[in-house]
C-alpha atoms as a PDB file:
ATOM      1  CA  UNK A   1     153.396 257.152 280.909  1.00  0.00           C
ATOM      2  CA  UNK A   2     154.949 258.355 284.148  1.00  0.00           C
ATOM      3  CA  UNK A   3     158.039 256.243 284.710  1.00  0.00           C
ATOM      4  CA  UNK A   4     158.707 257.028 288.368  1.00  0.00           C
ATOM      5  CA  UNK A   5     155.634 255.283 289.765  1.00  0.00           C
ATOM      6  CA  UNK A   6     155.252 251.583 290.546  1.00  0.00           C
ATOM      7  CA  UNK A   7     152.111 249.530 289.789  1.00  0.00           C
ATOM      8  CA  UNK A   8     150.497 250.777 292.996  1.00  0.00           C
ATOM      9  CA  UNK A   9     151.184 254.429 292.142  1.00  0.00           C
ATOM     10  CA  UNK A  10     154.023 254.850 294.650  1.00  0.00           C
ATOM     11  CA  UNK A  11     157.250 256.690 293.813  1.00  0.00           C
ATOM     12  CA  UNK A  12     159.925 254.360 292.444  1.00  0.00           C
ATOM     13  CA  UNK A  13     163.298 254.562 290.785  1.00  0.00           C
ATOM     14  CA  UNK A  14     163.198 253.338 287.179  1.00  0.00           C
ATOM     15  CA  UNK A  15     164.684 249.843 286.860  1.00  0.00           C
ATOM     16  CA  UNK A  16     167.374 250.057 284.178  1.00  0.00           C
ATOM     17  CA  UNK A  17     168.809 246.587 284.776  1.00  0.00           C
ATOM     18  CA  UNK A  18     167.513 245.245 281.444  1.00  0.00           C
ATOM     19  CA  UNK A  19     168.637 248.229 279.358  1.00  0.00           C
ATOM     20  CA  UNK A  20     171.657 248.149 277.069  1.00  0.00           C
ATOM     21  CA  UNK A  21     174.818 250.050 277.909  1.00  0.00           C
ATOM     22  CA  UNK A  22     175.326 252.741 275.259  1.00  0.00           C
ATOM     23  CA  UNK A  23     177.179 256.021 274.952  1.00  0.00           C
ATOM     24  CA  UNK A  24     174.701 258.700 275.965  1.00  0.00           C
ATOM     25  CA  UNK A  25     175.073 262.439 275.591  1.00  0.00           C
ATOM     26  CA  UNK A  26     172.822 265.342 276.516  1.00  0.00           C
ATOM     27  CA  UNK A  27     173.141 269.068 275.896  1.00  0.00           C
ATOM     28  CA  UNK A  28     171.126 271.599 277.892  1.00  0.00           C
ATOM     29  CA  UNK A  29     171.033 275.372 277.721  1.00  0.00           C
ATOM     30  CA  UNK A  30     170.197 278.162 280.132  1.00  0.00           C
ATOM     31  CA  UNK A  31     169.921 281.795 279.116  1.00  0.00           C
ATOM     32  CA  UNK A  32     170.605 284.646 281.524  1.00  0.00           C
ATOM     33  CA  UNK A  33     169.503 288.163 280.634  1.00  0.00           C
ATOM     34  CA  UNK A  34     171.713 290.784 282.238  1.00  0.00           C
ATOM     35  CA  UNK A  35     170.597 294.398 282.601  1.00  0.00           C
ATOM     36  CA  UNK A  36     172.732 297.151 281.106  1.00  0.00           C
ATOM     37  CA  UNK A  37     174.301 298.097 284.466  1.00  0.00           C
ATOM     38  CA  UNK A  38     175.777 294.582 284.663  1.00  0.00           C
ATOM     39  CA  UNK A  39     176.751 294.391 280.990  1.00  0.00           C
ATOM     40  CA  UNK A  40     178.804 297.560 281.461  1.00  0.00           C
ATOM     41  CA  UNK A  41     181.221 295.480 283.554  1.00  0.00           C
ATOM     42  CA  UNK A  42     182.016 293.058 280.726  1.00  0.00           C
ATOM     43  CA  UNK A  43     185.729 292.840 279.976  1.00  0.00           C
ATOM     44  CA  UNK A  44     187.230 290.426 277.455  1.00  0.00           C
ATOM     45  CA  UNK A  45     184.017 288.387 277.351  1.00  0.00           C
ATOM     46  CA  UNK A  46     183.718 287.890 281.115  1.00  0.00           C
ATOM     47  CA  UNK A  47     182.600 289.749 284.209  1.00  0.00           C
ATOM     48  CA  UNK A  48     185.113 290.406 286.953  1.00  0.00           C
ATOM     49  CA  UNK A  49     183.778 290.880 290.473  1.00  0.00           C
ATOM     50  CA  UNK A  50     185.256 290.917 293.975  1.00  0.00           C
ATOM     51  CA  UNK A  51     184.307 287.214 294.068  1.00  0.00           C
ATOM     52  CA  UNK A  52     186.341 286.526 290.913  1.00  0.00           C
ATOM     53  CA  UNK A  53     185.681 285.730 287.265  1.00  0.00           C
ATOM     54  CA  UNK A  54     181.921 285.199 286.977  1.00  0.00           C
ATOM     55  CA  UNK A  55     181.883 282.918 283.956  1.00  0.00           C
ATOM     56  CA  UNK A  56     184.856 280.822 285.066  1.00  0.00           C
ATOM     57  CA  UNK A  57     183.325 280.208 288.489  1.00  0.00           C
ATOM     58  CA  UNK A  58     179.932 279.464 286.895  1.00  0.00           C
ATOM     59  CA  UNK A  59     181.575 276.832 284.679  1.00  0.00           C
ATOM     60  CA  UNK A  60     183.074 275.103 287.712  1.00  0.00           C
ATOM     61  CA  UNK A  61     179.751 275.299 289.581  1.00  0.00           C
ATOM     62  CA  UNK A  62     177.876 273.798 286.620  1.00  0.00           C
ATOM     63  CA  UNK A  63     180.268 270.858 286.348  1.00  0.00           C
ATOM     64  CA  UNK A  64     180.166 270.233 290.099  1.00  0.00           C
ATOM     65  CA  UNK A  65     176.361 270.332 290.089  1.00  0.00           C
ATOM     66  CA  UNK A  66     176.038 267.954 287.141  1.00  0.00           C
ATOM     67  CA  UNK A  67     178.175 265.453 289.051  1.00  0.00           C
ATOM     68  CA  UNK A  68     175.785 265.683 292.046  1.00  0.00           C
ATOM     69  CA  UNK A  69     172.490 265.398 290.147  1.00  0.00           C
ATOM     70  CA  UNK A  70     171.643 262.016 291.691  1.00  0.00           C
ATOM     71  CA  UNK A  71     171.844 263.642 295.136  1.00  0.00           C
ATOM     72  CA  UNK A  72     169.643 266.588 294.153  1.00  0.00           C
ATOM     73  CA  UNK A  73     166.801 265.065 292.113  1.00  0.00           C
ATOM     74  CA  UNK A  74     164.730 262.403 293.894  1.00  0.00           C
ATOM     75  CA  UNK A  75     164.720 259.017 292.110  1.00  0.00           C
ATOM     76  CA  UNK A  76     167.445 260.121 289.683  1.00  0.00           C
ATOM     77  CA  UNK A  77     170.125 257.475 289.226  1.00  0.00           C
ATOM     78  CA  UNK A  78     173.518 258.446 290.668  1.00  0.00           C
ATOM     79  CA  UNK A  79     175.893 258.480 287.713  1.00  0.00           C
ATOM     80  CA  UNK A  80     179.639 258.709 287.304  1.00  0.00           C
ATOM     81  CA  UNK A  81     179.894 260.978 284.278  1.00  0.00           C
ATOM     82  CA  UNK A  82     182.490 260.226 281.627  1.00  0.00           C
ATOM     83  CA  UNK A  83     182.638 263.919 280.769  1.00  0.00           C
ATOM     84  CA  UNK A  84     180.934 267.200 281.491  1.00  0.00           C
ATOM     85  CA  UNK A  85     181.603 270.474 279.727  1.00  0.00           C
ATOM     86  CA  UNK A  86     180.054 273.872 280.399  1.00  0.00           C
ATOM     87  CA  UNK A  87     180.490 276.752 277.977  1.00  0.00           C
ATOM     88  CA  UNK A  88     179.407 280.351 278.428  1.00  0.00           C
ATOM     89  CA  UNK A  89     179.141 282.962 275.685  1.00  0.00           C
ATOM     90  CA  UNK A  90     177.198 286.095 274.847  1.00  0.00           C
ATOM     91  CA  UNK A  91     174.768 285.928 271.938  1.00  0.00           C
ATOM     92  CA  UNK A  92     173.858 288.750 269.524  1.00  0.00           C
ATOM     93  CA  UNK A  93     171.263 290.055 272.046  1.00  0.00           C
ATOM     94  CA  UNK A  94     173.952 290.259 274.766  1.00  0.00           C
ATOM     95  CA  UNK A  95     172.333 287.414 276.675  1.00  0.00           C
ATOM     96  CA  UNK A  96     174.528 284.950 278.523  1.00  0.00           C
ATOM     97  CA  UNK A  97     174.121 281.552 276.847  1.00  0.00           C
ATOM     98  CA  UNK A  98     175.195 278.638 279.005  1.00  0.00           C
ATOM     99  CA  UNK A  99     175.456 275.151 277.540  1.00  0.00           C
ATOM    100  CA  UNK A 100     176.185 272.025 279.516  1.00  0.00           C
ATOM    101  CA  UNK A 101     177.106 268.793 277.742  1.00  0.00           C
ATOM    102  CA  UNK A 102     177.155 265.596 279.799  1.00  0.00           C
ATOM    103  CA  UNK A 103     178.379 262.231 278.510  1.00  0.00           C
ATOM    104  CA  UNK A 104     178.330 258.717 279.922  1.00  0.00           C
ATOM    105  CA  UNK A 105     178.513 255.126 278.752  1.00  0.00           C
ATOM    106  CA  UNK A 106     175.696 253.569 280.762  1.00  0.00           C
ATOM    107  CA  UNK A 107     172.166 252.135 280.870  1.00  0.00           C
ATOM    108  CA  UNK A 108     170.486 255.478 281.524  1.00  0.00           C
ATOM    109  CA  UNK A 109     170.748 258.942 280.047  1.00  0.00           C
ATOM    110  CA  UNK A 110     172.244 262.178 281.285  1.00  0.00           C
ATOM    111  CA  UNK A 111     169.532 264.727 280.446  1.00  0.00           C
ATOM    112  CA  UNK A 112     169.054 265.664 284.086  1.00  0.00           C
ATOM    113  CA  UNK A 113     172.801 266.082 284.591  1.00  0.00           C
ATOM    114  CA  UNK A 114     173.013 268.472 281.634  1.00  0.00           C
ATOM    115  CA  UNK A 115     169.936 270.407 282.813  1.00  0.00           C
ATOM    116  CA  UNK A 116     171.219 270.669 286.383  1.00  0.00           C
ATOM    117  CA  UNK A 117     174.661 271.766 285.183  1.00  0.00           C
ATOM    118  CA  UNK A 118     173.231 274.527 282.986  1.00  0.00           C
ATOM    119  CA  UNK A 119     170.792 275.621 285.707  1.00  0.00           C
ATOM    120  CA  UNK A 120     173.376 275.879 288.459  1.00  0.00           C
ATOM    121  CA  UNK A 121     175.797 277.716 286.195  1.00  0.00           C
ATOM    122  CA  UNK A 122     172.987 280.226 285.482  1.00  0.00           C
ATOM    123  CA  UNK A 123     172.205 280.581 289.182  1.00  0.00           C
ATOM    124  CA  UNK A 124     175.895 281.160 289.857  1.00  0.00           C
ATOM    125  CA  UNK A 125     175.970 284.002 287.319  1.00  0.00           C
ATOM    126  CA  UNK A 126     172.949 285.490 289.110  1.00  0.00           C
ATOM    127  CA  UNK A 127     174.546 285.088 292.537  1.00  0.00           C
ATOM    128  CA  UNK A 128     177.822 286.656 291.510  1.00  0.00           C
ATOM    129  CA  UNK A 129     176.172 289.620 289.748  1.00  0.00           C
ATOM    130  CA  UNK A 130     173.275 290.377 292.096  1.00  0.00           C
ATOM    131  CA  UNK A 131     175.273 293.068 293.924  1.00  0.00           C
ATOM    132  CA  UNK A 132     175.223 295.048 290.638  1.00  0.00           C
ATOM    133  CA  UNK A 133     171.510 294.488 289.960  1.00  0.00           C
ATOM    134  CA  UNK A 134     168.566 292.339 290.980  1.00  0.00           C
ATOM    135  CA  UNK A 135     167.039 292.749 287.500  1.00  0.00           C
ATOM    136  CA  UNK A 136     168.867 289.663 286.214  1.00  0.00           C
ATOM    137  CA  UNK A 137     166.525 287.120 284.611  1.00  0.00           C
ATOM    138  CA  UNK A 138     167.124 283.450 283.944  1.00  0.00           C
ATOM    139  CA  UNK A 139     164.813 283.308 280.955  1.00  0.00           C
ATOM    140  CA  UNK A 140     164.926 279.644 280.033  1.00  0.00           C
ATOM    141  CA  UNK A 141     166.507 276.302 280.672  1.00  0.00           C
ATOM    142  CA  UNK A 142     165.877 273.529 278.171  1.00  0.00           C
ATOM    143  CA  UNK A 143     167.193 270.313 276.717  1.00  0.00           C
ATOM    144  CA  UNK A 144     168.727 270.882 273.286  1.00  0.00           C
ATOM    145  CA  UNK A 145     169.840 267.386 272.432  1.00  0.00           C
ATOM    146  CA  UNK A 146     170.118 263.846 273.724  1.00  0.00           C
ATOM    147  CA  UNK A 147     171.542 260.771 272.031  1.00  0.00           C
ATOM    148  CA  UNK A 148     172.160 257.140 272.821  1.00  0.00           C
ATOM    149  CA  UNK A 149     168.910 256.116 274.478  1.00  0.00           C
ATOM    150  CA  UNK A 150     165.611 254.732 273.240  1.00  0.00           C
ATOM    151  CA  UNK A 151     165.163 257.799 271.032  1.00  0.00           C
ATOM    152  CA  UNK A 152     167.341 260.727 270.137  1.00  0.00           C
ATOM    153  CA  UNK A 153     166.166 264.325 270.501  1.00  0.00           C
ATOM    154  CA  UNK A 154     167.563 267.359 268.688  1.00  0.00           C
ATOM    155  CA  UNK A 155     166.087 270.843 268.983  1.00  0.00           C
ATOM    156  CA  UNK A 156     167.149 273.996 267.173  1.00  0.00           C
END
């Protein structure tokens, strides 16, 4: 069932007025694959560029984006997040793993906020590193977990 259409098939925001207020959390992940010429610039688990600390700036960008999700995604409810956290680490394959966790106590979930936060953090890594190489790949963005709504989701 497509939830963003009314009975006539026109776009519509989902009516959440009858839903229960619950604590809702979502975790999304983006993975950025950096080529060797970029990885060579890693120092103390971060990349330093003329624009600044890549991962630190990407964290700020991800949080800012998550807060603006309702402005970016049509028909998405504007939400005042209770919390948003973005973490960035390298995995065993030397890929940049970005996770965004969004939390709210509300009538609707925060999956889109977590996905937007992770996506924009990944795009920020790309933007800040593209002078070193255009062979950077954002390989995936996906929802890892959501709780507090009609049904919980947890992926490995």
